[in-house]
Amino acid sequence: MINDINNFIESKKLSLNSRKSYHYDLKQFYKIIGGHVNSEKLALYQQSLSEFKLTARKRKLSAVNQFLFFLYNRGTLKEFYRLQETEKITLAQTKSQIMDLSNFYQDTDYPSGRLIALLILSLGLTPAEIANLKKADFDTTFNILSIEKSQMKRILKLPEDLLPFLLESLEEDGDLVFEHNGKPYSRQWFFNQLTDFLNEKNEQQLTAQLLREQFILKQKENGKTMTELSRLLGLKTPITLERYYR
């Protein structure tokens, strides 16, 4: 299985730090299961994760699930296994607390899904707005995005941590940020890309709406008033934001 771990890591385009992280987590997985994958061994491994914090468990589960899928795809495993996080964040918690989603900025097999998630999380955009984003809407000199909607224009500052993922997409051919043969993708495509990315990160409970809510919570924490936040979101009235300011 050690060779399988090395082959799996080599098959992914990872930074040096990510390679080390994957190797450490999968070597730990190998030691616990003894190189044999079955339901009992996986249950034992999952039980061993109880001592780690939620974010660390999610990272380890994500690495192991990707590895298990790799083994299944190659025919090494005859049965498909997938581990689930047992301690889920409840919907109520998600709506009231800012989540640690730093793993969204790490390597992924779903770069389009990651960019969609980060555009929602960092700028509060809706999937419909993302689908219509033109590369000309971005000014990379001043790091701003201009959006016109319903005769309302808003200027959004692009966060530094978003830029590396965004610039990569802006350098590709085409007028739209996301397009296929010159046409925007369907709503289902955006949904599927985001879902695949969230599943990879073991954040299956999240949706585009809840990611946008994370943007709202962060902006409120940063001192934005209800009126200022409504302008950032392109809302005609701040009424729908009242529940976050009670």
C-alpha atoms as a PDB file:
ATOM      1  CA  MET A   1       0.000   0.000   0.000  1.00  0.00           C
ATOM      2  CA  ILE A   2       2.979   2.328   0.511  1.00  0.00           C
ATOM      3  CA  ASN A   3       3.555   2.257  -3.261  1.00  0.00           C
ATOM      4  CA  ASP A   4      -0.129   3.022  -3.799  1.00  0.00           C
ATOM      5  CA  ILE A   5       0.171   6.046  -1.507  1.00  0.00           C
ATOM      6  CA  ASN A   6       3.193   7.318  -3.437  1.00  0.00           C
ATOM      7  CA  ASN A   7       1.466   6.736  -6.783  1.00  0.00           C
ATOM      8  CA  PHE A   8      -1.651   8.526  -5.548  1.00  0.00           C
ATOM      9  CA  ILE A   9       0.305  11.581  -4.420  1.00  0.00           C
ATOM     10  CA  GLU A  10       2.270  11.625  -7.690  1.00  0.00           C
ATOM     11  CA  SER A  11      -1.013  11.610  -9.639  1.00  0.00           C
ATOM     12  CA  LYS A  12      -2.054  14.918  -8.072  1.00  0.00           C
ATOM     13  CA  LYS A  13      -0.666  18.377  -8.787  1.00  0.00           C
ATOM     14  CA  LEU A  14       0.270  19.381  -5.263  1.00  0.00           C
ATOM     15  CA  SER A  15       2.502  21.942  -3.636  1.00  0.00           C
ATOM     16  CA  LEU A  16       5.359  20.656  -1.496  1.00  0.00           C
ATOM     17  CA  ASN A  17       3.495  21.399   1.743  1.00  0.00           C
ATOM     18  CA  SER A  18       0.368  19.636   0.489  1.00  0.00           C
ATOM     19  CA  ARG A  19       2.395  16.598  -0.571  1.00  0.00           C
ATOM     20  CA  LYS A  20       3.856  16.382   2.925  1.00  0.00           C
ATOM     21  CA  SER A  21       0.400  16.733   4.475  1.00  0.00           C
ATOM     22  CA  TYR A  22      -1.116  14.002   2.276  1.00  0.00           C
ATOM     23  CA  HIS A  23       1.844  11.709   2.894  1.00  0.00           C
ATOM     24  CA  TYR A  24       1.652  12.181   6.662  1.00  0.00           C
ATOM     25  CA  ASP A  25      -2.110  11.582   6.847  1.00  0.00           C
ATOM     26  CA  LEU A  26      -2.056   8.549   4.551  1.00  0.00           C
ATOM     27  CA  LYS A  27       0.974   7.016   6.279  1.00  0.00           C
ATOM     28  CA  GLN A  28      -0.959   7.327   9.545  1.00  0.00           C
ATOM     29  CA  PHE A  29      -3.969   5.704   7.861  1.00  0.00           C
ATOM     30  CA  TYR A  30      -1.770   2.851   6.626  1.00  0.00           C
ATOM     31  CA  LYS A  31      -0.324   2.185  10.086  1.00  0.00           C
ATOM     32  CA  ILE A  32      -3.756   1.966  11.700  1.00  0.00           C
ATOM     33  CA  ILE A  33      -5.406  -0.317   9.131  1.00  0.00           C
ATOM     34  CA  GLY A  34      -2.302  -2.460   8.660  1.00  0.00           C
ATOM     35  CA  GLY A  35      -2.446  -2.176   4.894  1.00  0.00           C
ATOM     36  CA  HIS A  36      -5.782  -4.012   4.579  1.00  0.00           C
ATOM     37  CA  VAL A  37      -8.970  -2.112   3.709  1.00  0.00           C
ATOM     38  CA  ASN A  38     -12.274  -3.439   5.029  1.00  0.00           C
ATOM     39  CA  SER A  39     -15.220  -2.080   7.007  1.00  0.00           C
ATOM     40  CA  GLU A  40     -13.783  -3.107  10.377  1.00  0.00           C
ATOM     41  CA  LYS A  41     -10.388  -1.521   9.712  1.00  0.00           C
ATOM     42  CA  LEU A  42     -12.000   1.690   8.466  1.00  0.00           C
ATOM     43  CA  ALA A  43     -14.193   1.867  11.568  1.00  0.00           C
ATOM     44  CA  LEU A  44     -11.056   1.487  13.685  1.00  0.00           C
ATOM     45  CA  TYR A  45      -9.355   4.294  11.771  1.00  0.00           C
ATOM     46  CA  GLN A  46     -12.367   6.576  12.110  1.00  0.00           C
ATOM     47  CA  GLN A  47     -12.465   5.919  15.838  1.00  0.00           C
ATOM     48  CA  SER A  48      -8.797   6.940  16.081  1.00  0.00           C
ATOM     49  CA  LEU A  49      -9.666  10.398  14.727  1.00  0.00           C
ATOM     50  CA  SER A  50     -11.813  11.286  17.736  1.00  0.00           C
ATOM     51  CA  GLU A  51      -8.827  12.861  19.494  1.00  0.00           C
ATOM     52  CA  PHE A  52      -8.362  15.438  16.714  1.00  0.00           C
ATOM     53  CA  LYS A  53     -10.164  18.738  16.247  1.00  0.00           C
ATOM     54  CA  LEU A  54     -12.962  18.923  13.681  1.00  0.00           C
ATOM     55  CA  THR A  55     -10.876  20.739  11.054  1.00  0.00           C
ATOM     56  CA  ALA A  56      -8.046  18.197  11.340  1.00  0.00           C
ATOM     57  CA  ARG A  57     -10.507  15.290  11.094  1.00  0.00           C
ATOM     58  CA  LYS A  58     -12.012  16.782   7.959  1.00  0.00           C
ATOM     59  CA  ARG A  59      -8.591  17.166   6.364  1.00  0.00           C
ATOM     60  CA  LYS A  60      -7.635  13.581   7.161  1.00  0.00           C
ATOM     61  CA  LEU A  61     -10.985  12.186   6.003  1.00  0.00           C
ATOM     62  CA  SER A  62     -10.718  14.141   2.759  1.00  0.00           C
ATOM     63  CA  ALA A  63      -7.246  12.711   2.049  1.00  0.00           C
ATOM     64  CA  VAL A  64      -8.326   9.152   2.893  1.00  0.00           C
ATOM     65  CA  ASN A  65     -11.542   9.362   0.848  1.00  0.00           C
ATOM     66  CA  GLN A  66      -9.624  10.598  -2.184  1.00  0.00           C
ATOM     67  CA  PHE A  67      -7.129   7.765  -1.720  1.00  0.00           C
ATOM     68  CA  LEU A  68      -9.897   5.160  -1.388  1.00  0.00           C
ATOM     69  CA  PHE A  69     -11.495   6.452  -4.592  1.00  0.00           C
ATOM     70  CA  PHE A  70      -8.098   6.260  -6.313  1.00  0.00           C
ATOM     71  CA  LEU A  71      -7.703   2.613  -5.254  1.00  0.00           C
ATOM     72  CA  TYR A  72     -11.235   1.767  -6.379  1.00  0.00           C
ATOM     73  CA  ASN A  73     -10.721   3.448  -9.763  1.00  0.00           C
ATOM     74  CA  ARG A  74      -7.550   1.446 -10.336  1.00  0.00           C
ATOM     75  CA  GLY A  75      -9.273  -1.795  -9.420  1.00  0.00           C
ATOM     76  CA  THR A  76      -7.146  -2.320  -6.300  1.00  0.00           C
ATOM     77  CA  LEU A  77     -10.326  -2.216  -4.214  1.00  0.00           C
ATOM     78  CA  LYS A  78     -13.296  -4.241  -5.429  1.00  0.00           C
ATOM     79  CA  GLU A  79     -15.682  -2.353  -3.152  1.00  0.00           C
ATOM     80  CA  PHE A  80     -16.121   1.415  -2.939  1.00  0.00           C
ATOM     81  CA  TYR A  81     -15.668   2.858   0.555  1.00  0.00           C
ATOM     82  CA  ARG A  82     -16.283   6.402   1.770  1.00  0.00           C
ATOM     83  CA  LEU A  83     -15.854   7.653   5.324  1.00  0.00           C
ATOM     84  CA  GLN A  84     -18.283  10.228   6.724  1.00  0.00           C
ATOM     85  CA  GLU A  85     -17.667  12.881   9.363  1.00  0.00           C
ATOM     86  CA  THR A  86     -19.755  11.837  12.341  1.00  0.00           C
ATOM     87  CA  GLU A  87     -19.772  15.214  14.077  1.00  0.00           C
ATOM     88  CA  LYS A  88     -21.638  17.428  11.664  1.00  0.00           C
ATOM     89  CA  ILE A  89     -22.074  21.138  12.123  1.00  0.00           C
ATOM     90  CA  THR A  90     -25.784  21.725  12.536  1.00  0.00           C
ATOM     91  CA  LEU A  91     -27.676  24.091  10.281  1.00  0.00           C
ATOM     92  CA  ALA A  92     -28.374  26.364  13.222  1.00  0.00           C
ATOM     93  CA  GLN A  93     -24.669  26.586  14.014  1.00  0.00           C
ATOM     94  CA  THR A  94     -23.799  27.259  10.399  1.00  0.00           C
ATOM     95  CA  LYS A  95     -26.204  30.177  10.294  1.00  0.00           C
ATOM     96  CA  SER A  96     -24.942  31.802  13.466  1.00  0.00           C
ATOM     97  CA  GLN A  97     -21.210  31.152  13.458  1.00  0.00           C
ATOM     98  CA  ILE A  98     -18.307  31.934  11.185  1.00  0.00           C
ATOM     99  CA  MET A  99     -16.796  28.658  10.024  1.00  0.00           C
ATOM    100  CA  ASP A 100     -13.153  27.803   9.471  1.00  0.00           C
ATOM    101  CA  LEU A 101     -13.063  27.138   5.729  1.00  0.00           C
ATOM    102  CA  SER A 102      -9.327  27.652   5.246  1.00  0.00           C
ATOM    103  CA  ASN A 103      -9.124  24.244   3.542  1.00  0.00           C
ATOM    104  CA  PHE A 104     -10.981  25.803   0.582  1.00  0.00           C
ATOM    105  CA  TYR A 105      -7.676  27.453  -0.386  1.00  0.00           C
ATOM    106  CA  GLN A 106      -5.787  24.164  -0.517  1.00  0.00           C
ATOM    107  CA  ASP A 107      -5.205  21.871  -3.499  1.00  0.00           C
ATOM    108  CA  THR A 108      -8.252  20.329  -5.117  1.00  0.00           C
ATOM    109  CA  ASP A 109      -9.314  18.066  -7.947  1.00  0.00           C
ATOM    110  CA  TYR A 110     -12.178  20.509  -8.647  1.00  0.00           C
ATOM    111  CA  PRO A 111     -10.616  23.932  -9.436  1.00  0.00           C
ATOM    112  CA  SER A 112     -13.819  25.270 -11.019  1.00  0.00           C
ATOM    113  CA  GLY A 113     -15.825  24.265  -7.953  1.00  0.00           C
ATOM    114  CA  ARG A 114     -13.216  25.894  -5.725  1.00  0.00           C
ATOM    115  CA  LEU A 115     -13.350  29.187  -7.640  1.00  0.00           C
ATOM    116  CA  ILE A 116     -17.159  29.194  -7.522  1.00  0.00           C
ATOM    117  CA  ALA A 117     -17.063  28.592  -3.763  1.00  0.00           C
ATOM    118  CA  LEU A 118     -14.450  31.311  -3.197  1.00  0.00           C
ATOM    119  CA  LEU A 119     -16.339  33.871  -5.294  1.00  0.00           C
ATOM    120  CA  ILE A 120     -19.386  33.298  -3.100  1.00  0.00           C
ATOM    121  CA  LEU A 121     -17.427  33.174   0.140  1.00  0.00           C
ATOM    122  CA  SER A 122     -15.173  36.166  -0.627  1.00  0.00           C
ATOM    123  CA  LEU A 123     -17.524  38.471  -2.542  1.00  0.00           C
ATOM    124  CA  GLY A 124     -21.029  37.313  -1.656  1.00  0.00           C
ATOM    125  CA  LEU A 125     -21.930  36.623  -5.293  1.00  0.00           C
ATOM    126  CA  THR A 126     -24.848  34.415  -6.273  1.00  0.00           C
ATOM    127  CA  PRO A 127     -24.385  31.498  -8.712  1.00  0.00           C
ATOM    128  CA  ALA A 128     -26.404  33.467 -11.301  1.00  0.00           C
ATOM    129  CA  GLU A 129     -24.032  36.427 -10.989  1.00  0.00           C
ATOM    130  CA  ILE A 130     -21.013  34.145 -11.245  1.00  0.00           C
ATOM    131  CA  ALA A 131     -22.397  32.515 -14.395  1.00  0.00           C
ATOM    132  CA  ASN A 132     -22.531  35.920 -16.112  1.00  0.00           C
ATOM    133  CA  LEU A 133     -19.144  37.231 -14.976  1.00  0.00           C
ATOM    134  CA  LYS A 134     -17.110  38.650 -17.848  1.00  0.00           C
ATOM    135  CA  LYS A 135     -13.354  38.917 -17.696  1.00  0.00           C
ATOM    136  CA  ALA A 136     -13.718  42.568 -18.686  1.00  0.00           C
ATOM    137  CA  ASP A 137     -15.588  43.134 -15.403  1.00  0.00           C
ATOM    138  CA  PHE A 138     -12.324  42.629 -13.521  1.00  0.00           C
ATOM    139  CA  ASP A 139      -9.652  45.288 -13.130  1.00  0.00           C
ATOM    140  CA  THR A 140      -6.542  43.438 -12.007  1.00  0.00           C
ATOM    141  CA  THR A 141      -4.547  46.677 -11.756  1.00  0.00           C
ATOM    142  CA  PHE A 142      -6.712  47.968  -8.924  1.00  0.00           C
ATOM    143  CA  ASN A 143      -8.038  44.518  -7.936  1.00  0.00           C
ATOM    144  CA  ILE A 144     -11.718  45.374  -8.258  1.00  0.00           C
ATOM    145  CA  LEU A 145     -14.798  43.795  -9.811  1.00  0.00           C
ATOM    146  CA  SER A 146     -17.592  45.881 -11.353  1.00  0.00           C
ATOM    147  CA  ILE A 147     -21.065  44.359 -11.453  1.00  0.00           C
ATOM    148  CA  GLU A 148     -24.161  45.900 -13.013  1.00  0.00           C
ATOM    149  CA  LYS A 149     -27.522  44.421 -12.109  1.00  0.00           C
ATOM    150  CA  SER A 150     -31.007  45.932 -12.407  1.00  0.00           C
ATOM    151  CA  GLN A 151     -29.514  49.351 -13.254  1.00  0.00           C
ATOM    152  CA  MET A 152     -27.441  49.169 -10.076  1.00  0.00           C
ATOM    153  CA  LYS A 153     -23.653  49.182 -10.295  1.00  0.00           C
ATOM    154  CA  ARG A 154     -21.449  48.015  -7.472  1.00  0.00           C
ATOM    155  CA  ILE A 155     -17.687  47.926  -7.110  1.00  0.00           C
ATOM    156  CA  LEU A 156     -16.224  45.058  -5.085  1.00  0.00           C
ATOM    157  CA  LYS A 157     -12.664  44.895  -3.779  1.00  0.00           C
ATOM    158  CA  LEU A 158     -10.969  41.595  -4.603  1.00  0.00           C
ATOM    159  CA  PRO A 159      -9.392  39.964  -1.523  1.00  0.00           C
ATOM    160  CA  GLU A 160      -5.713  39.066  -1.815  1.00  0.00           C
ATOM    161  CA  ASP A 161      -6.302  35.387  -1.023  1.00  0.00           C
ATOM    162  CA  LEU A 162      -8.788  35.106  -3.918  1.00  0.00           C
ATOM    163  CA  LEU A 163      -6.478  36.554  -6.585  1.00  0.00           C
ATOM    164  CA  PRO A 164      -4.218  33.520  -7.282  1.00  0.00           C
ATOM    165  CA  PHE A 165      -7.217  31.323  -8.114  1.00  0.00           C
ATOM    166  CA  LEU A 166      -9.013  34.048 -10.054  1.00  0.00           C
ATOM    167  CA  LEU A 167      -6.057  35.189 -12.167  1.00  0.00           C
ATOM    168  CA  GLU A 168      -5.495  31.624 -13.329  1.00  0.00           C
ATOM    169  CA  SER A 169      -9.006  31.593 -14.798  1.00  0.00           C
ATOM    170  CA  LEU A 170      -8.786  35.113 -16.259  1.00  0.00           C
ATOM    171  CA  GLU A 171      -5.735  34.102 -18.297  1.00  0.00           C
ATOM    172  CA  GLU A 172      -7.708  31.454 -20.195  1.00  0.00           C
ATOM    173  CA  ASP A 173      -9.360  32.130 -23.572  1.00  0.00           C
ATOM    174  CA  GLY A 174     -12.924  33.423 -23.801  1.00  0.00           C
ATOM    175  CA  ASP A 175     -14.941  36.414 -22.632  1.00  0.00           C
ATOM    176  CA  LEU A 176     -16.666  34.792 -19.665  1.00  0.00           C
ATOM    177  CA  VAL A 177     -14.933  33.524 -16.542  1.00  0.00           C
ATOM    178  CA  PHE A 178     -16.820  30.226 -16.929  1.00  0.00           C
ATOM    179  CA  GLU A 179     -17.808  29.242 -20.452  1.00  0.00           C
ATOM    180  CA  HIS A 180     -17.973  26.366 -22.911  1.00  0.00           C
ATOM    181  CA  ASN A 181     -17.625  27.096 -26.628  1.00  0.00           C
ATOM    182  CA  GLY A 182     -18.339  30.762 -25.984  1.00  0.00           C
ATOM    183  CA  LYS A 183     -21.516  30.122 -24.019  1.00  0.00           C
ATOM    184  CA  PRO A 184     -22.164  30.130 -20.258  1.00  0.00           C
ATOM    185  CA  TYR A 185     -22.546  26.798 -18.508  1.00  0.00           C
ATOM    186  CA  SER A 186     -25.931  25.642 -17.249  1.00  0.00           C
ATOM    187  CA  ARG A 187     -27.104  26.151 -13.669  1.00  0.00           C
ATOM    188  CA  GLN A 188     -26.782  22.384 -13.185  1.00  0.00           C
ATOM    189  CA  TRP A 189     -23.112  22.532 -14.145  1.00  0.00           C
ATOM    190  CA  PHE A 190     -22.429  25.185 -11.512  1.00  0.00           C
ATOM    191  CA  PHE A 191     -24.346  23.174  -8.934  1.00  0.00           C
ATOM    192  CA  ASN A 192     -22.419  19.992  -9.780  1.00  0.00           C
ATOM    193  CA  GLN A 193     -19.019  21.708  -9.691  1.00  0.00           C
ATOM    194  CA  LEU A 194     -19.721  23.299  -6.315  1.00  0.00           C
ATOM    195  CA  THR A 195     -21.170  20.070  -4.904  1.00  0.00           C
ATOM    196  CA  ASP A 196     -18.148  18.014  -5.993  1.00  0.00           C
ATOM    197  CA  PHE A 197     -15.790  20.517  -4.381  1.00  0.00           C
ATOM    198  CA  LEU A 198     -17.752  20.672  -1.120  1.00  0.00           C
ATOM    199  CA  ASN A 199     -17.897  16.874  -0.976  1.00  0.00           C
ATOM    200  CA  GLU A 200     -14.136  16.682  -1.477  1.00  0.00           C
ATOM    201  CA  LYS A 201     -13.652  19.036   1.469  1.00  0.00           C
ATOM    202  CA  ASN A 202     -16.134  17.078   3.609  1.00  0.00           C
ATOM    203  CA  GLU A 203     -18.453  20.098   3.793  1.00  0.00           C
ATOM    204  CA  GLN A 204     -21.491  18.366   2.306  1.00  0.00           C
ATOM    205  CA  GLN A 205     -23.851  20.316   4.559  1.00  0.00           C
ATOM    206  CA  LEU A 206     -22.954  23.602   2.863  1.00  0.00           C
ATOM    207  CA  THR A 207     -24.750  25.172  -0.101  1.00  0.00           C
ATOM    208  CA  ALA A 208     -24.275  28.318  -2.183  1.00  0.00           C
ATOM    209  CA  GLN A 209     -26.777  30.057   0.077  1.00  0.00           C
ATOM    210  CA  LEU A 210     -24.908  29.087   3.253  1.00  0.00           C
ATOM    211  CA  LEU A 211     -21.574  30.152   1.750  1.00  0.00           C
ATOM    212  CA  ARG A 212     -23.114  33.542   0.988  1.00  0.00           C
ATOM    213  CA  GLU A 213     -24.289  33.666   4.568  1.00  0.00           C
ATOM    214  CA  GLN A 214     -20.683  33.168   5.677  1.00  0.00           C
ATOM    215  CA  PHE A 215     -19.782  36.276   3.661  1.00  0.00           C
ATOM    216  CA  ILE A 216     -22.537  38.202   5.437  1.00  0.00           C
ATOM    217  CA  LEU A 217     -21.359  37.085   8.876  1.00  0.00           C
ATOM    218  CA  LYS A 218     -17.747  38.031   8.125  1.00  0.00           C
ATOM    219  CA  GLN A 219     -18.701  41.466   6.805  1.00  0.00           C
ATOM    220  CA  LYS A 220     -20.811  42.126   9.869  1.00  0.00           C
ATOM    221  CA  GLU A 221     -17.924  41.068  12.103  1.00  0.00           C
ATOM    222  CA  ASN A 222     -15.656  43.458  10.168  1.00  0.00           C
ATOM    223  CA  GLY A 223     -17.934  46.351  11.119  1.00  0.00           C
ATOM    224  CA  LYS A 224     -20.078  46.755   8.016  1.00  0.00           C
ATOM    225  CA  THR A 225     -23.469  48.331   8.707  1.00  0.00           C
ATOM    226  CA  MET A 226     -26.635  46.728   7.404  1.00  0.00           C
ATOM    227  CA  THR A 227     -26.913  49.409   4.698  1.00  0.00           C
ATOM    228  CA  GLU A 228     -23.286  49.014   3.610  1.00  0.00           C
ATOM    229  CA  LEU A 229     -23.656  45.251   3.433  1.00  0.00           C
ATOM    230  CA  SER A 230     -26.847  45.460   1.394  1.00  0.00           C
ATOM    231  CA  ARG A 231     -24.963  47.565  -1.172  1.00  0.00           C
ATOM    232  CA  LEU A 232     -22.152  45.016  -1.357  1.00  0.00           C
ATOM    233  CA  LEU A 233     -24.724  42.294  -2.034  1.00  0.00           C
ATOM    234  CA  GLY A 234     -26.638  44.390  -4.569  1.00  0.00           C
ATOM    235  CA  LEU A 235     -29.852  44.325  -2.546  1.00  0.00           C
ATOM    236  CA  LYS A 236     -32.499  46.984  -3.140  1.00  0.00           C
ATOM    237  CA  THR A 237     -33.339  47.048   0.560  1.00  0.00           C
ATOM    238  CA  PRO A 238     -31.481  45.838   3.681  1.00  0.00           C
ATOM    239  CA  ILE A 239     -34.627  44.307   5.194  1.00  0.00           C
ATOM    240  CA  THR A 240     -33.523  40.713   4.543  1.00  0.00           C
ATOM    241  CA  LEU A 241     -30.354  41.361   6.580  1.00  0.00           C
ATOM    242  CA  GLU A 242     -32.165  42.455   9.726  1.00  0.00           C
ATOM    243  CA  ARG A 243     -32.006  39.011  11.355  1.00  0.00           C
ATOM    244  CA  TYR A 244     -28.194  39.135  11.328  1.00  0.00           C
ATOM    245  CA  TYR A 245     -28.162  42.437  13.226  1.00  0.00           C
ATOM    246  CA  ARG A 246     -30.620  41.586  16.006  1.00  0.00           C
END
